Amino acid sequence: MNKEEARSILAEALGAFRSKSYEELSALIGSPLNFERKGPSGTEYQIELQVMWDSPRTPGGDIRVIASIDDGRFPSAFMPLTADFIKRPDGGFVGE
C-alpha cells in the first residue's frame, strides 16, 4: 500500500466528517460506514469509519470518530492506517 497516498485519501474522507455538526455525528453512532475511494495511482482503497461516544459511560459527551484505510492486500488489510478526532458537544475539537 502506498502509505502517502492512503494518508491523503484518509485525511480527505475524515475531513468531510470533521465538518459535520455534533448532532449529525451523534446520529451516526453505532452505524459503521464503509466506502471505497480510488487513489491517483488507480489503487482502490477501503475506508471504514466508526462514530462512538468517547466515553461509553458518558453518552451525550464527546464523540470520537475513527477512520481506517487499507487496499485489501496483505499486510494492510490486517494493519490499516488509522486517524481520528474527538468533537465536543460545543462543536470544538479535543486536543486542538
N, C-alpha and C. Protein backbone atom coordinates (compact mmCIF):
# COMPACT_ATOMS: atom_id res chain seq x y z
N MET A 1 0.86 -1.17 0.00
CA MET A 1 0.00 0.00 0.00
C MET A 1 0.90 1.23 0.00
N ASN A 2 0.54 2.18 -0.82
CA ASN A 2 1.25 3.46 -0.85
C ASN A 2 0.74 4.28 0.34
N LYS A 3 1.51 4.33 1.40
CA LYS A 3 1.05 4.96 2.64
C LYS A 3 0.81 6.45 2.48
N GLU A 4 1.62 7.13 1.67
CA GLU A 4 1.41 8.57 1.46
C GLU A 4 0.08 8.82 0.76
N GLU A 5 -0.20 8.04 -0.28
CA GLU A 5 -1.47 8.17 -0.99
C GLU A 5 -2.64 7.83 -0.07
N ALA A 6 -2.49 6.74 0.70
CA ALA A 6 -3.56 6.31 1.61
C ALA A 6 -3.82 7.37 2.68
N ARG A 7 -2.76 7.95 3.25
CA ARG A 7 -2.95 9.00 4.27
C ARG A 7 -3.71 10.21 3.71
N SER A 8 -3.38 10.57 2.48
CA SER A 8 -4.05 11.71 1.84
C SER A 8 -5.54 11.42 1.64
N ILE A 9 -5.86 10.24 1.17
CA ILE A 9 -7.26 9.85 0.95
C ILE A 9 -8.00 9.78 2.28
N LEU A 10 -7.34 9.22 3.29
CA LEU A 10 -7.95 9.11 4.61
C LEU A 10 -8.22 10.49 5.21
N ALA A 11 -7.26 11.40 5.07
CA ALA A 11 -7.44 12.77 5.60
C ALA A 11 -8.61 13.46 4.91
N GLU A 12 -8.75 13.27 3.62
CA GLU A 12 -9.85 13.88 2.88
C GLU A 12 -11.20 13.30 3.34
N ALA A 13 -11.25 11.99 3.48
CA ALA A 13 -12.50 11.34 3.92
C ALA A 13 -12.86 11.76 5.34
N LEU A 14 -11.88 11.79 6.22
CA LEU A 14 -12.14 12.18 7.61
C LEU A 14 -12.51 13.66 7.69
N GLY A 15 -11.92 14.47 6.83
CA GLY A 15 -12.24 15.90 6.79
C GLY A 15 -13.71 16.17 6.51
N ALA A 16 -14.30 15.34 5.67
CA ALA A 16 -15.73 15.51 5.38
C ALA A 16 -16.57 15.31 6.63
N PHE A 17 -16.12 14.46 7.53
CA PHE A 17 -16.86 14.22 8.77
C PHE A 17 -16.51 15.24 9.84
N ARG A 18 -15.32 15.82 9.79
CA ARG A 18 -14.95 16.89 10.73
C ARG A 18 -15.87 18.09 10.57
N SER A 19 -16.33 18.30 9.34
CA SER A 19 -17.18 19.46 9.09
C SER A 19 -18.64 19.23 9.49
N LYS A 20 -18.99 18.01 9.83
CA LYS A 20 -20.37 17.73 10.27
C LYS A 20 -20.58 18.27 11.69
N SER A 21 -21.81 18.61 11.97
CA SER A 21 -22.15 19.12 13.29
C SER A 21 -22.13 17.99 14.31
N TYR A 22 -22.09 18.36 15.57
CA TYR A 22 -22.16 17.39 16.66
C TYR A 22 -23.42 16.56 16.54
N GLU A 23 -24.53 17.19 16.20
CA GLU A 23 -25.81 16.49 16.08
C GLU A 23 -25.78 15.49 14.93
N GLU A 24 -25.18 15.88 13.80
CA GLU A 24 -25.08 14.96 12.67
C GLU A 24 -24.22 13.75 13.02
N LEU A 25 -23.12 14.00 13.72
CA LEU A 25 -22.25 12.89 14.12
C LEU A 25 -22.94 11.98 15.13
N SER A 26 -23.66 12.57 16.08
CA SER A 26 -24.32 11.73 17.08
C SER A 26 -25.37 10.81 16.45
N ALA A 27 -25.95 11.23 15.33
CA ALA A 27 -26.93 10.39 14.64
C ALA A 27 -26.26 9.18 13.98
N LEU A 28 -24.94 9.22 13.80
CA LEU A 28 -24.21 8.12 13.17
C LEU A 28 -23.64 7.11 14.17
N ILE A 29 -23.79 7.39 15.46
CA ILE A 29 -23.24 6.49 16.48
C ILE A 29 -23.85 5.10 16.34
N GLY A 30 -22.98 4.10 16.33
CA GLY A 30 -23.43 2.72 16.25
C GLY A 30 -23.71 2.22 14.85
N SER A 31 -23.44 3.04 13.85
CA SER A 31 -23.68 2.63 12.45
C SER A 31 -22.40 2.80 11.64
N PRO A 32 -21.51 1.79 11.67
CA PRO A 32 -20.25 1.91 10.91
C PRO A 32 -20.51 2.17 9.43
N LEU A 33 -19.67 2.97 8.85
CA LEU A 33 -19.77 3.28 7.43
C LEU A 33 -18.57 2.68 6.71
N ASN A 34 -18.82 2.09 5.56
CA ASN A 34 -17.77 1.52 4.73
C ASN A 34 -17.93 2.06 3.32
N PHE A 35 -16.84 2.54 2.75
CA PHE A 35 -16.90 3.03 1.38
C PHE A 35 -15.52 2.88 0.74
N GLU A 36 -15.49 3.05 -0.56
CA GLU A 36 -14.24 2.90 -1.31
C GLU A 36 -13.89 4.21 -2.01
N ARG A 37 -12.59 4.41 -2.17
CA ARG A 37 -12.06 5.56 -2.90
C ARG A 37 -10.91 5.06 -3.77
N LYS A 38 -10.83 5.61 -4.96
CA LYS A 38 -9.73 5.26 -5.85
C LYS A 38 -8.66 6.35 -5.73
N GLY A 39 -7.42 5.93 -5.54
CA GLY A 39 -6.31 6.85 -5.44
C GLY A 39 -5.81 7.25 -6.81
N PRO A 40 -4.97 8.30 -6.88
CA PRO A 40 -4.39 8.74 -8.15
C PRO A 40 -3.63 7.63 -8.87
N SER A 41 -3.09 6.67 -8.12
CA SER A 41 -2.35 5.56 -8.72
C SER A 41 -3.28 4.52 -9.35
N GLY A 42 -4.59 4.64 -9.08
CA GLY A 42 -5.55 3.66 -9.56
C GLY A 42 -5.88 2.60 -8.52
N THR A 43 -5.19 2.62 -7.39
CA THR A 43 -5.44 1.66 -6.32
C THR A 43 -6.79 1.94 -5.67
N GLU A 44 -7.56 0.89 -5.46
CA GLU A 44 -8.83 1.00 -4.74
C GLU A 44 -8.57 0.83 -3.25
N TYR A 45 -9.03 1.77 -2.46
CA TYR A 45 -8.87 1.73 -1.01
C TYR A 45 -10.23 1.54 -0.35
N GLN A 46 -10.25 0.74 0.71
CA GLN A 46 -11.46 0.58 1.52
C GLN A 46 -11.29 1.44 2.77
N ILE A 47 -12.33 2.18 3.09
CA ILE A 47 -12.32 3.05 4.27
C ILE A 47 -13.47 2.62 5.18
N GLU A 48 -13.15 2.46 6.46
CA GLU A 48 -14.18 2.17 7.45
C GLU A 48 -14.19 3.31 8.45
N LEU A 49 -15.36 3.81 8.76
CA LEU A 49 -15.50 4.92 9.68
C LEU A 49 -16.47 4.53 10.78
N GLN A 50 -16.06 4.77 12.03
CA GLN A 50 -16.93 4.47 13.17
C GLN A 50 -17.08 5.72 14.02
N VAL A 51 -18.29 5.95 14.46
CA VAL A 51 -18.60 7.09 15.33
C VAL A 51 -19.11 6.52 16.64
N MET A 52 -18.53 6.99 17.74
CA MET A 52 -18.91 6.45 19.06
C MET A 52 -18.73 7.52 20.13
N TRP A 53 -19.35 7.28 21.27
CA TRP A 53 -19.10 8.15 22.42
C TRP A 53 -17.66 7.94 22.84
N ASP A 54 -16.95 9.01 23.13
CA ASP A 54 -15.56 8.87 23.54
C ASP A 54 -15.47 8.09 24.85
N SER A 55 -16.43 8.32 25.72
CA SER A 55 -16.52 7.55 26.95
C SER A 55 -17.89 6.89 26.99
N PRO A 56 -17.95 5.56 26.88
CA PRO A 56 -19.25 4.89 26.90
C PRO A 56 -20.05 5.17 28.17
N ARG A 57 -19.36 5.59 29.21
CA ARG A 57 -20.06 5.90 30.47
C ARG A 57 -20.69 7.29 30.44
N THR A 58 -20.39 8.06 29.39
CA THR A 58 -20.90 9.43 29.32
C THR A 58 -21.58 9.69 27.99
N PRO A 59 -22.69 8.99 27.68
CA PRO A 59 -23.43 9.33 26.45
C PRO A 59 -23.85 10.79 26.50
N GLY A 60 -23.77 11.45 25.38
CA GLY A 60 -24.10 12.86 25.33
C GLY A 60 -22.88 13.73 25.54
N GLY A 61 -21.73 13.11 25.76
CA GLY A 61 -20.47 13.83 25.92
C GLY A 61 -19.73 13.93 24.60
N ASP A 62 -18.42 13.84 24.66
CA ASP A 62 -17.59 13.94 23.48
C ASP A 62 -17.83 12.76 22.54
N ILE A 63 -17.69 13.03 21.24
CA ILE A 63 -17.86 12.00 20.22
C ILE A 63 -16.51 11.75 19.55
N ARG A 64 -16.13 10.47 19.47
CA ARG A 64 -14.89 10.08 18.79
C ARG A 64 -15.24 9.50 17.42
N VAL A 65 -14.52 9.95 16.41
CA VAL A 65 -14.68 9.45 15.05
C VAL A 65 -13.35 8.82 14.65
N ILE A 66 -13.39 7.54 14.31
CA ILE A 66 -12.19 6.80 13.93
C ILE A 66 -12.37 6.30 12.50
N ALA A 67 -11.34 6.53 11.68
CA ALA A 67 -11.37 6.04 10.30
C ALA A 67 -10.13 5.20 10.04
N SER A 68 -10.29 4.15 9.26
CA SER A 68 -9.17 3.31 8.86
C SER A 68 -9.21 3.09 7.36
N ILE A 69 -8.04 2.86 6.78
CA ILE A 69 -7.94 2.66 5.33
C ILE A 69 -6.96 1.52 5.04
N ASP A 70 -7.31 0.74 4.02
CA ASP A 70 -6.40 -0.30 3.53
C ASP A 70 -6.71 -0.55 2.07
N ASP A 71 -5.80 -1.26 1.41
CA ASP A 71 -6.00 -1.56 -0.01
C ASP A 71 -6.46 -2.99 -0.24
N GLY A 72 -6.83 -3.70 0.84
CA GLY A 72 -7.35 -5.05 0.71
C GLY A 72 -6.30 -6.12 0.54
N ARG A 73 -5.04 -5.73 0.51
CA ARG A 73 -3.97 -6.71 0.34
C ARG A 73 -3.21 -6.87 1.65
N PHE A 74 -2.46 -7.96 1.74
CA PHE A 74 -1.63 -8.20 2.91
C PHE A 74 -0.42 -7.28 2.82
N PRO A 75 0.05 -6.64 3.85
CA PRO A 75 -0.43 -6.72 5.23
C PRO A 75 -1.42 -5.62 5.61
N SER A 76 -1.70 -4.68 4.68
CA SER A 76 -2.53 -3.53 5.08
C SER A 76 -3.94 -3.93 5.49
N ALA A 77 -4.45 -5.04 4.96
CA ALA A 77 -5.80 -5.47 5.34
C ALA A 77 -5.86 -5.85 6.82
N PHE A 78 -4.72 -6.26 7.38
CA PHE A 78 -4.66 -6.64 8.79
C PHE A 78 -4.12 -5.53 9.67
N MET A 79 -3.45 -4.55 9.06
CA MET A 79 -2.87 -3.42 9.80
C MET A 79 -3.15 -2.13 9.04
N PRO A 80 -4.41 -1.69 9.00
CA PRO A 80 -4.74 -0.49 8.23
C PRO A 80 -4.18 0.77 8.89
N LEU A 81 -4.06 1.82 8.09
CA LEU A 81 -3.73 3.14 8.64
C LEU A 81 -4.99 3.68 9.30
N THR A 82 -4.82 4.40 10.39
CA THR A 82 -5.98 4.97 11.09
C THR A 82 -5.75 6.44 11.41
N ALA A 83 -6.84 7.13 11.61
CA ALA A 83 -6.82 8.52 12.05
C ALA A 83 -8.13 8.75 12.80
N ASP A 84 -8.14 9.74 13.68
CA ASP A 84 -9.36 10.02 14.44
C ASP A 84 -9.41 11.47 14.88
N PHE A 85 -10.55 11.84 15.39
CA PHE A 85 -10.72 13.13 16.06
C PHE A 85 -11.82 12.98 17.10
N ILE A 86 -11.86 13.92 18.03
CA ILE A 86 -12.89 13.93 19.07
C ILE A 86 -13.57 15.30 19.03
N LYS A 87 -14.89 15.27 18.90
CA LYS A 87 -15.67 16.51 18.86
C LYS A 87 -16.44 16.68 20.15
N ARG A 88 -16.36 17.87 20.71
CA ARG A 88 -17.09 18.20 21.93
C ARG A 88 -18.53 18.62 21.61
N PRO A 89 -19.41 18.57 22.60
CA PRO A 89 -20.80 19.00 22.36
C PRO A 89 -20.91 20.44 21.88
N ASP A 90 -19.92 21.30 22.24
CA ASP A 90 -19.97 22.70 21.80
C ASP A 90 -19.46 22.87 20.38
N GLY A 91 -19.07 21.75 19.71
CA GLY A 91 -18.62 21.82 18.32
C GLY A 91 -17.11 21.94 18.16
N GLY A 92 -16.40 22.16 19.26
CA GLY A 92 -14.95 22.24 19.21
C GLY A 92 -14.32 20.86 19.18
N PHE A 93 -13.01 20.84 19.02
CA PHE A 93 -12.29 19.59 18.95
C PHE A 93 -11.37 19.44 20.15
N VAL A 94 -11.32 18.26 20.72
CA VAL A 94 -10.46 17.96 21.86
C VAL A 94 -9.02 17.88 21.38
N GLY A 95 -8.12 18.54 22.09
CA GLY A 95 -6.71 18.46 21.78
C GLY A 95 -6.25 19.33 20.62
N GLU A 96 -7.08 20.20 20.15
CA GLU A 96 -6.68 21.06 19.03
C GLU A 96 -6.83 22.52 19.40
